[in-house]
């Protein structure tokens, strides 16, 4: 028998961080909508969450166009300085 997961369980596992994010995952990413166990209680079976996680890609698509060329130029020159128009990274003192 599968364990039931609530919103807090999904957040603890790092799957979602907020209710709007959950709604976007359901609408855009095929995340299971769960089941209403009561008037204000929504839960997901651990099995359906695992199936959804297994169906997700391990890495995103390779960069294309300008992003790919920019990344290649930086790698080739070893340049870590921001290009014109890019915000500079600020080092934080500990």
PDB file of N, CA and C in Angstrom:
ATOM      1  N   UNK A   1       0.844  -1.179   0.000  1.00  0.00           N
ATOM      2  CA  UNK A   1       0.000   0.000   0.000  1.00  0.00           C
ATOM      3  C   UNK A   1       0.887   1.239   0.000  1.00  0.00           C
ATOM      4  N   UNK A   2       0.520   2.205  -0.769  1.00  0.00           N
ATOM      5  CA  UNK A   2       1.287   3.432  -0.911  1.00  0.00           C
ATOM      6  C   UNK A   2       0.972   4.414   0.210  1.00  0.00           C
ATOM      7  N   UNK A   3       1.958   5.181   0.586  1.00  0.00           N
ATOM      8  CA  UNK A   3       1.795   6.216   1.601  1.00  0.00           C
ATOM      9  C   UNK A   3       1.187   7.456   0.947  1.00  0.00           C
ATOM     10  N   UNK A   4       0.350   8.183   1.676  1.00  0.00           N
ATOM     11  CA  UNK A   4      -0.234   9.427   1.181  1.00  0.00           C
ATOM     12  C   UNK A   4       0.648  10.601   1.583  1.00  0.00           C
ATOM     13  N   UNK A   5       0.910  11.480   0.634  1.00  0.00           N
ATOM     14  CA  UNK A   5       1.747  12.656   0.882  1.00  0.00           C
ATOM     15  C   UNK A   5       0.890  13.912   0.827  1.00  0.00           C
ATOM     16  N   UNK A   6       1.112  14.804   1.747  1.00  0.00           N
ATOM     17  CA  UNK A   6       0.410  16.077   1.783  1.00  0.00           C
ATOM     18  C   UNK A   6       1.328  17.167   1.238  1.00  0.00           C
ATOM     19  N   UNK A   7       0.837  18.389   1.147  1.00  0.00           N
ATOM     20  CA  UNK A   7       1.602  19.517   0.621  1.00  0.00           C
ATOM     21  C   UNK A   7       2.936  19.673   1.347  1.00  0.00           C
ATOM     22  N   UNK A   8       2.928  19.608   2.661  1.00  0.00           N
ATOM     23  CA  UNK A   8       4.165  19.767   3.445  1.00  0.00           C
ATOM     24  C   UNK A   8       5.185  18.682   3.095  1.00  0.00           C
ATOM     25  N   UNK A   9       4.711  17.483   2.799  1.00  0.00           N
ATOM     26  CA  UNK A   9       5.627  16.396   2.414  1.00  0.00           C
ATOM     27  C   UNK A   9       6.274  16.687   1.060  1.00  0.00           C
ATOM     28  N   UNK A  10       5.484  17.218   0.121  1.00  0.00           N
ATOM     29  CA  UNK A  10       6.025  17.564  -1.197  1.00  0.00           C
ATOM     30  C   UNK A  10       7.066  18.670  -1.061  1.00  0.00           C
ATOM     31  N   UNK A  11       6.783  19.644  -0.202  1.00  0.00           N
ATOM     32  CA  UNK A  11       7.729  20.740   0.014  1.00  0.00           C
ATOM     33  C   UNK A  11       8.994  20.221   0.688  1.00  0.00           C
ATOM     34  N   UNK A  12       8.873  19.328   1.651  1.00  0.00           N
ATOM     35  CA  UNK A  12      10.043  18.772   2.348  1.00  0.00           C
ATOM     36  C   UNK A  12      10.932  17.971   1.394  1.00  0.00           C
ATOM     37  N   UNK A  13      10.332  17.364   0.381  1.00  0.00           N
ATOM     38  CA  UNK A  13      11.112  16.590  -0.598  1.00  0.00           C
ATOM     39  C   UNK A  13      11.683  17.465  -1.701  1.00  0.00           C
ATOM     40  N   UNK A  14      11.371  18.761  -1.693  1.00  0.00           N
ATOM     41  CA  UNK A  14      11.908  19.689  -2.685  1.00  0.00           C
ATOM     42  C   UNK A  14      11.203  19.639  -4.025  1.00  0.00           C
ATOM     43  N   UNK A  15      10.022  19.053  -4.087  1.00  0.00           N
ATOM     44  CA  UNK A  15       9.289  18.958  -5.350  1.00  0.00           C
ATOM     45  C   UNK A  15       8.602  20.275  -5.671  1.00  0.00           C
ATOM     46  N   UNK A  16       8.069  20.930  -4.664  1.00  0.00           N
ATOM     47  CA  UNK A  16       7.411  22.218  -4.829  1.00  0.00           C
ATOM     48  C   UNK A  16       7.824  23.123  -3.671  1.00  0.00           C
ATOM     49  N   UNK A  17       7.590  24.425  -3.842  1.00  0.00           N
ATOM     50  CA  UNK A  17       7.913  25.368  -2.773  1.00  0.00           C
ATOM     51  C   UNK A  17       6.714  26.203  -2.349  1.00  0.00           C
ATOM     52  N   UNK A  18       5.658  26.222  -3.175  1.00  0.00           N
ATOM     53  CA  UNK A  18       4.500  27.049  -2.857  1.00  0.00           C
ATOM     54  C   UNK A  18       3.269  26.496  -3.568  1.00  0.00           C
ATOM     55  N   UNK A  19       2.090  26.984  -3.143  1.00  0.00           N
ATOM     56  CA  UNK A  19       0.855  26.572  -3.802  1.00  0.00           C
ATOM     57  C   UNK A  19       0.800  27.033  -5.263  1.00  0.00           C
ATOM     58  N   UNK A  20       1.230  28.262  -5.590  1.00  0.00           N
ATOM     59  CA  UNK A  20       1.239  28.635  -7.015  1.00  0.00           C
ATOM     60  C   UNK A  20       2.155  27.742  -7.858  1.00  0.00           C
ATOM     61  N   UNK A  21       3.286  27.347  -7.295  1.00  0.00           N
ATOM     62  CA  UNK A  21       4.186  26.450  -8.019  1.00  0.00           C
ATOM     63  C   UNK A  21       3.527  25.090  -8.241  1.00  0.00           C
ATOM     64  N   UNK A  22       2.806  24.613  -7.236  1.00  0.00           N
ATOM     65  CA  UNK A  22       2.082  23.352  -7.379  1.00  0.00           C
ATOM     66  C   UNK A  22       1.068  23.457  -8.505  1.00  0.00           C
ATOM     67  N   UNK A  23       0.312  24.543  -8.553  1.00  0.00           N
ATOM     68  CA  UNK A  23      -0.684  24.741  -9.612  1.00  0.00           C
ATOM     69  C   UNK A  23      -0.016  24.755 -10.984  1.00  0.00           C
ATOM     70  N   UNK A  24       1.134  25.449 -11.107  1.00  0.00           N
ATOM     71  CA  UNK A  24       1.854  25.476 -12.394  1.00  0.00           C
ATOM     72  C   UNK A  24       2.335  24.086 -12.785  1.00  0.00           C
ATOM     73  N   UNK A  25       2.845  23.324 -11.824  1.00  0.00           N
ATOM     74  CA  UNK A  25       3.294  21.957 -12.126  1.00  0.00           C
ATOM     75  C   UNK A  25       2.135  21.103 -12.629  1.00  0.00           C
ATOM     76  N   UNK A  26       0.966  21.250 -12.012  1.00  0.00           N
ATOM     77  CA  UNK A  26      -0.204  20.477 -12.443  1.00  0.00           C
ATOM     78  C   UNK A  26      -0.622  20.912 -13.845  1.00  0.00           C
ATOM     79  N   UNK A  27      -0.681  22.212 -14.091  1.00  0.00           N
ATOM     80  CA  UNK A  27      -1.150  22.743 -15.372  1.00  0.00           C
ATOM     81  C   UNK A  27      -0.156  22.530 -16.510  1.00  0.00           C
ATOM     82  N   UNK A  28       1.132  22.730 -16.246  1.00  0.00           N
ATOM     83  CA  UNK A  28       2.137  22.730 -17.328  1.00  0.00           C
ATOM     84  C   UNK A  28       2.981  21.462 -17.422  1.00  0.00           C
ATOM     85  N   UNK A  29       3.250  20.826 -16.285  1.00  0.00           N
ATOM     86  CA  UNK A  29       4.233  19.741 -16.271  1.00  0.00           C
ATOM     87  C   UNK A  29       3.635  18.358 -16.096  1.00  0.00           C
ATOM     88  N   UNK A  30       2.313  18.256 -16.074  1.00  0.00           N
ATOM     89  CA  UNK A  30       1.691  16.949 -15.939  1.00  0.00           C
ATOM     90  C   UNK A  30       1.775  16.356 -14.545  1.00  0.00           C
ATOM     91  N   UNK A  31       1.993  17.210 -13.539  1.00  0.00           N
ATOM     92  CA  UNK A  31       2.049  16.725 -12.166  1.00  0.00           C
ATOM     93  C   UNK A  31       0.669  16.211 -11.778  1.00  0.00           C
ATOM     94  N   UNK A  32       0.590  15.097 -11.056  1.00  0.00           N
ATOM     95  CA  UNK A  32      -0.722  14.568 -10.665  1.00  0.00           C
ATOM     96  C   UNK A  32      -1.490  15.571  -9.797  1.00  0.00           C
ATOM     97  N   UNK A  33      -2.777  15.663 -10.024  1.00  0.00           N
ATOM     98  CA  UNK A  33      -3.581  16.645  -9.284  1.00  0.00           C
ATOM     99  C   UNK A  33      -3.926  16.176  -7.882  1.00  0.00           C
ATOM    100  N   UNK A  34      -3.689  14.936  -7.556  1.00  0.00           N
ATOM    101  CA  UNK A  34      -3.950  14.443  -6.212  1.00  0.00           C
ATOM    102  C   UNK A  34      -5.422  14.119  -6.003  1.00  0.00           C
ATOM    103  N   UNK A  35      -5.742  13.804  -4.786  1.00  0.00           N
ATOM    104  CA  UNK A  35      -7.126  13.451  -4.435  1.00  0.00           C
ATOM    105  C   UNK A  35      -7.559  14.267  -3.238  1.00  0.00           C
ATOM    106  N   UNK A  36      -8.814  14.647  -3.252  1.00  0.00           N
ATOM    107  CA  UNK A  36      -9.378  15.364  -2.115  1.00  0.00           C
ATOM    108  C   UNK A  36      -9.827  14.321  -1.097  1.00  0.00           C
ATOM    109  N   UNK A  37      -9.191  14.303   0.048  1.00  0.00           N
ATOM    110  CA  UNK A  37      -9.543  13.361   1.104  1.00  0.00           C
ATOM    111  C   UNK A  37     -10.562  13.952   2.064  1.00  0.00           C
ATOM    112  N   UNK A  38     -10.735  15.246   2.004  1.00  0.00           N
ATOM    113  CA  UNK A  38     -11.692  15.947   2.838  1.00  0.00           C
ATOM    114  C   UNK A  38     -11.969  17.308   2.225  1.00  0.00           C
ATOM    115  N   UNK A  39     -12.711  18.142   2.935  1.00  0.00           N
ATOM    116  CA  UNK A  39     -13.073  19.455   2.407  1.00  0.00           C
ATOM    117  C   UNK A  39     -11.845  20.309   2.085  1.00  0.00           C
ATOM    118  N   UNK A  40     -10.820  20.258   2.897  1.00  0.00           N
ATOM    119  CA  UNK A  40      -9.607  21.049   2.682  1.00  0.00           C
ATOM    120  C   UNK A  40      -8.349  20.192   2.746  1.00  0.00           C
ATOM    121  N   UNK A  41      -8.451  18.950   2.363  1.00  0.00           N
ATOM    122  CA  UNK A  41      -7.322  18.026   2.461  1.00  0.00           C
ATOM    123  C   UNK A  41      -7.059  17.372   1.113  1.00  0.00           C
ATOM    124  N   UNK A  42      -5.942  17.750   0.509  1.00  0.00           N
ATOM    125  CA  UNK A  42      -5.518  17.159  -0.755  1.00  0.00           C
ATOM    126  C   UNK A  42      -4.278  16.318  -0.477  1.00  0.00           C
ATOM    127  N   UNK A  43      -4.217  15.147  -1.103  1.00  0.00           N
ATOM    128  CA  UNK A  43      -3.075  14.257  -0.891  1.00  0.00           C
ATOM    129  C   UNK A  43      -2.731  13.549  -2.198  1.00  0.00           C
ATOM    130  N   UNK A  44      -1.500  13.104  -2.278  1.00  0.00           N
ATOM    131  CA  UNK A  44      -0.980  12.395  -3.444  1.00  0.00           C
ATOM    132  C   UNK A  44      -0.401  11.080  -2.972  1.00  0.00           C
ATOM    133  N   UNK A  45      -0.580  10.038  -3.765  1.00  0.00           N
ATOM    134  CA  UNK A  45       0.038   8.767  -3.380  1.00  0.00           C
ATOM    135  C   UNK A  45       1.529   8.840  -3.712  1.00  0.00           C
ATOM    136  N   UNK A  46       2.311   8.219  -2.886  1.00  0.00           N
ATOM    137  CA  UNK A  46       3.755   8.218  -3.085  1.00  0.00           C
ATOM    138  C   UNK A  46       4.117   7.578  -4.427  1.00  0.00           C
ATOM    139  N   UNK A  47       3.344   6.564  -4.839  1.00  0.00           N
ATOM    140  CA  UNK A  47       3.611   5.891  -6.116  1.00  0.00           C
ATOM    141  C   UNK A  47       3.427   6.827  -7.300  1.00  0.00           C
ATOM    142  N   UNK A  48       2.346   7.631  -7.309  1.00  0.00           N
ATOM    143  CA  UNK A  48       2.112   8.516  -8.447  1.00  0.00           C
ATOM    144  C   UNK A  48       3.144   9.638  -8.491  1.00  0.00           C
ATOM    145  N   UNK A  49       3.612  10.083  -7.340  1.00  0.00           N
ATOM    146  CA  UNK A  49       4.669  11.097  -7.313  1.00  0.00           C
ATOM    147  C   UNK A  49       5.964  10.502  -7.860  1.00  0.00           C
ATOM    148  N   UNK A  50       6.284   9.277  -7.464  1.00  0.00           N
ATOM    149  CA  UNK A  50       7.502   8.630  -7.954  1.00  0.00           C
ATOM    150  C   UNK A  50       7.432   8.402  -9.455  1.00  0.00           C
ATOM    151  N   UNK A  51       6.273   8.013  -9.971  1.00  0.00           N
ATOM    152  CA  UNK A  51       6.112   7.845 -11.418  1.00  0.00           C
ATOM    153  C   UNK A  51       6.348   9.160 -12.141  1.00  0.00           C
ATOM    154  N   UNK A  52       5.814  10.250 -11.589  1.00  0.00           N
ATOM    155  CA  UNK A  52       6.000  11.556 -12.216  1.00  0.00           C
ATOM    156  C   UNK A  52       7.484  11.940 -12.201  1.00  0.00           C
ATOM    157  N   UNK A  53       8.149  11.739 -11.061  1.00  0.00           N
ATOM    158  CA  UNK A  53       9.571  12.064 -10.974  1.00  0.00           C
ATOM    159  C   UNK A  53      10.389  11.235 -11.960  1.00  0.00           C
ATOM    160  N   UNK A  54      10.062   9.952 -12.099  1.00  0.00           N
ATOM    161  CA  UNK A  54      10.787   9.085 -13.030  1.00  0.00           C
ATOM    162  C   UNK A  54      10.587   9.503 -14.480  1.00  0.00           C
ATOM    163  N   UNK A  55       9.457  10.142 -14.778  1.00  0.00           N
ATOM    164  CA  UNK A  55       9.166  10.556 -16.148  1.00  0.00           C
ATOM    165  C   UNK A  55       9.853  11.864 -16.521  1.00  0.00           C
ATOM    166  N   UNK A  56      10.401  12.577 -15.543  1.00  0.00           N
ATOM    167  CA  UNK A  56      11.025  13.873 -15.798  1.00  0.00           C
ATOM    168  C   UNK A  56      12.414  13.683 -16.395  1.00  0.00           C
ATOM    169  N   UNK A  57      12.837  14.597 -17.287  1.00  0.00           N
ATOM    170  CA  UNK A  57      14.186  14.495 -17.850  1.00  0.00           C
ATOM    171  C   UNK A  57      15.242  14.767 -16.787  1.00  0.00           C
ATOM    172  N   UNK A  58      16.404  14.165 -16.956  1.00  0.00           N
ATOM    173  CA  UNK A  58      17.498  14.349 -16.003  1.00  0.00           C
ATOM    174  C   UNK A  58      18.234  15.655 -16.220  1.00  0.00           C
ATOM    175  N   UNK A  59      18.224  16.182 -17.450  1.00  0.00           N
ATOM    176  CA  UNK A  59      18.904  17.435 -17.759  1.00  0.00           C
ATOM    177  C   UNK A  59      18.074  18.194 -18.780  1.00  0.00           C
ATOM    178  N   UNK A  60      18.271  19.475 -18.813  1.00  0.00           N
ATOM    179  CA  UNK A  60      17.550  20.311 -19.756  1.00  0.00           C
ATOM    180  C   UNK A  60      18.160  20.221 -21.142  1.00  0.00           C
ATOM    181  N   UNK A  61      17.529  20.883 -22.104  1.00  0.00           N
ATOM    182  CA  UNK A  61      18.065  20.863 -23.456  1.00  0.00           C
ATOM    183  C   UNK A  61      19.378  21.634 -23.539  1.00  0.00           C
ATOM    184  N   UNK A  62      20.181  21.295 -24.529  1.00  0.00           N
ATOM    185  CA  UNK A  62      21.443  21.993 -24.744  1.00  0.00           C
ATOM    186  C   UNK A  62      21.157  23.426 -25.171  1.00  0.00           C
ATOM    187  N   UNK A  63      22.019  24.384 -24.780  1.00  0.00           N
ATOM    188  CA  UNK A  63      21.794  25.772 -25.187  1.00  0.00           C
ATOM    189  C   UNK A  63      21.881  25.908 -26.699  1.00  0.00           C
ATOM    190  N   UNK A  64      21.080  26.848 -27.232  1.00  0.00           N
ATOM    191  CA  UNK A  64      21.078  27.088 -28.676  1.00  0.00           C
ATOM    192  C   UNK A  64      21.416  28.543 -28.947  1.00  0.00           C
ATOM    193  N   UNK A  65      21.771  28.830 -30.172  1.00  0.00           N
ATOM    194  CA  UNK A  65      21.931  30.203 -30.637  1.00  0.00           C
ATOM    195  C   UNK A  65      22.915  31.022 -29.833  1.00  0.00           C
ATOM    196  N   UNK A  66      22.480  32.232 -29.455  1.00  0.00           N
ATOM    197  CA  UNK A  66      23.354  33.198 -28.788  1.00  0.00           C
ATOM    198  C   UNK A  66      23.848  32.669 -27.439  1.00  0.00           C
ATOM    199  N   UNK A  67      23.006  31.979 -26.702  1.00  0.00           N
ATOM    200  CA  UNK A  67      23.424  31.461 -25.403  1.00  0.00           C
ATOM    201  C   UNK A  67      24.549  30.452 -25.566  1.00  0.00           C
ATOM    202  N   UNK A  68      24.456  29.600 -26.576  1.00  0.00           N
ATOM    203  CA  UNK A  68      25.496  28.594 -26.818  1.00  0.00           C
ATOM    204  C   UNK A  68      26.800  29.267 -27.223  1.00  0.00           C
ATOM    205  N   UNK A  69      26.729  30.244 -28.118  1.00  0.00           N
ATOM    206  CA  UNK A  69      27.926  30.930 -28.584  1.00  0.00           C
ATOM    207  C   UNK A  69      28.590  31.693 -27.446  1.00  0.00           C
ATOM    208  N   UNK A  70      27.800  32.338 -26.613  1.00  0.00           N
ATOM    209  CA  UNK A  70      28.336  33.100 -25.487  1.00  0.00           C
ATOM    210  C   UNK A  70      29.043  32.171 -24.502  1.00  0.00           C
ATOM    211  N   UNK A  71      28.442  31.035 -24.215  1.00  0.00           N
ATOM    212  CA  UNK A  71      29.045  30.073 -23.293  1.00  0.00           C
ATOM    213  C   UNK A  71      30.344  29.529 -23.870  1.00  0.00           C
ATOM    214  N   UNK A  72      30.368  29.272 -25.175  1.00  0.00           N
ATOM    215  CA  UNK A  72      31.578  28.747 -25.816  1.00  0.00           C
ATOM    216  C   UNK A  72      32.705  29.776 -25.777  1.00  0.00           C
ATOM    217  N   UNK A  73      32.383  31.062 -26.018  1.00  0.00           N
ATOM    218  CA  UNK A  73      33.413  32.116 -25.968  1.00  0.00           C
ATOM    219  C   UNK A  73      34.014  32.221 -24.577  1.00  0.00           C
ATOM    220  N   UNK A  74      33.176  32.173 -23.548  1.00  0.00           N
ATOM    221  CA  UNK A  74      33.684  32.283 -22.188  1.00  0.00           C
ATOM    222  C   UNK A  74      34.571  31.088 -21.839  1.00  0.00           C
ATOM    223  N   UNK A  75      34.175  29.902 -22.261  1.00  0.00           N
ATOM    224  CA  UNK A  75      34.954  28.705 -21.966  1.00  0.00           C
ATOM    225  C   UNK A  75      36.294  28.741 -22.685  1.00  0.00           C
ATOM    226  N   UNK A  76      36.301  29.222 -23.924  1.00  0.00           N
ATOM    227  CA  UNK A  76      37.523  29.243 -24.717  1.00  0.00           C
ATOM    228  C   UNK A  76      38.532  30.254 -24.171  1.00  0.00           C
ATOM    229  N   UNK A  77      38.052  31.384 -23.694  1.00  0.00           N
ATOM    230  CA  UNK A  77      38.966  32.423 -23.227  1.00  0.00           C
ATOM    231  C   UNK A  77      39.254  32.323 -21.741  1.00  0.00           C
ATOM    232  N   UNK A  78      38.457  31.543 -21.026  1.00  0.00           N
ATOM    233  CA  UNK A  78      38.621  31.458 -19.583  1.00  0.00           C
ATOM    234  C   UNK A  78      38.184  32.735 -18.895  1.00  0.00           C
ATOM    235  N   UNK A  79      37.436  33.562 -19.596  1.00  0.00           N
ATOM    236  CA  UNK A  79      36.988  34.853 -19.080  1.00  0.00           C
ATOM    237  C   UNK A  79      35.847  34.663 -18.092  1.00  0.00           C
ATOM    238  N   UNK A  80      36.034  35.158 -16.893  1.00  0.00           N
ATOM    239  CA  UNK A  80      34.965  35.088 -15.901  1.00  0.00           C
ATOM    240  C   UNK A  80      34.377  36.458 -15.622  1.00  0.00           C
ATOM    241  N   UNK A  81      34.915  37.483 -16.279  1.00  0.00           N
ATOM    242  CA  UNK A  81      34.393  38.843 -16.096  1.00  0.00           C
ATOM    243  C   UNK A  81      33.074  38.978 -16.853  1.00  0.00           C
ATOM    244  N   UNK A  82      32.130  39.749 -16.317  1.00  0.00           N
ATOM    245  CA  UNK A  82      30.856  39.936 -17.009  1.00  0.00           C
ATOM    246  C   UNK A  82      31.043  40.732 -18.285  1.00  0.00           C
ATOM    247  N   UNK A  83      30.264  40.385 -19.294  1.00  0.00           N
ATOM    248  CA  UNK A  83      30.303  41.125 -20.542  1.00  0.00           C
ATOM    249  C   UNK A  83      29.505  42.402 -20.391  1.00  0.00           C
ATOM    250  N   UNK A  84      29.646  43.276 -21.374  1.00  0.00           N
ATOM    251  CA  UNK A  84      28.931  44.544 -21.334  1.00  0.00           C
ATOM    252  C   UNK A  84      27.423  44.293 -21.259  1.00  0.00           C
ATOM    253  N   UNK A  85      26.778  44.961 -20.342  1.00  0.00           N
ATOM    254  CA  UNK A  85      25.341  44.790 -20.171  1.00  0.00           C
ATOM    255  C   UNK A  85      24.971  43.744 -19.134  1.00  0.00           C
ATOM    256  N   UNK A  86      25.918  42.908 -18.737  1.00  0.00           N
ATOM    257  CA  UNK A  86      25.659  41.902 -17.709  1.00  0.00           C
ATOM    258  C   UNK A  86      25.946  42.501 -16.342  1.00  0.00           C
ATOM    259  N   UNK A  87      25.148  42.168 -15.342  1.00  0.00           N
ATOM    260  CA  UNK A  87      25.456  42.668 -14.002  1.00  0.00           C
ATOM    261  C   UNK A  87      26.690  41.966 -13.449  1.00  0.00           C
ATOM    262  N   UNK A  88      27.481  42.710 -12.709  1.00  0.00           N
ATOM    263  CA  UNK A  88      28.697  42.152 -12.122  1.00  0.00           C
ATOM    264  C   UNK A  88      28.328  41.295 -10.916  1.00  0.00           C
ATOM    265  N   UNK A  89      29.041  40.206 -10.741  1.00  0.00           N
ATOM    266  CA  UNK A  89      28.839  39.365  -9.552  1.00  0.00           C
ATOM    267  C   UNK A  89      29.529  40.032  -8.384  1.00  0.00           C
ATOM    268  N   UNK A  90      28.859  40.010  -7.270  1.00  0.00           N
ATOM    269  CA  UNK A  90      29.457  40.607  -6.085  1.00  0.00           C
ATOM    270  C   UNK A  90      29.833  39.488  -5.125  1.00  0.00           C
ATOM    271  N   UNK A  91      31.051  39.556  -4.631  1.00  0.00           N
ATOM    272  CA  UNK A  91      31.513  38.592  -3.638  1.00  0.00           C
ATOM    273  C   UNK A  91      30.951  39.006  -2.300  1.00  0.00           C
ATOM    274  N   UNK A  92      30.464  38.038  -1.566  1.00  0.00           N
ATOM    275  CA  UNK A  92      29.930  38.331  -0.244  1.00  0.00           C
ATOM    276  C   UNK A  92      30.971  37.986   0.811  1.00  0.00           C
ATOM    277  N   UNK A  93      31.178  38.927   1.707  1.00  0.00           N
ATOM    278  CA  UNK A  93      32.114  38.683   2.818  1.00  0.00           C
ATOM    279  C   UNK A  93      31.400  37.882   3.892  1.00  0.00           C
ATOM    280  N   UNK A  94      32.097  36.907   4.440  1.00  0.00           N
ATOM    281  CA  UNK A  94      31.500  36.103   5.505  1.00  0.00           C
ATOM    282  C   UNK A  94      31.911  36.609   6.855  1.00  0.00           C
TER     283      UNK A  94
END
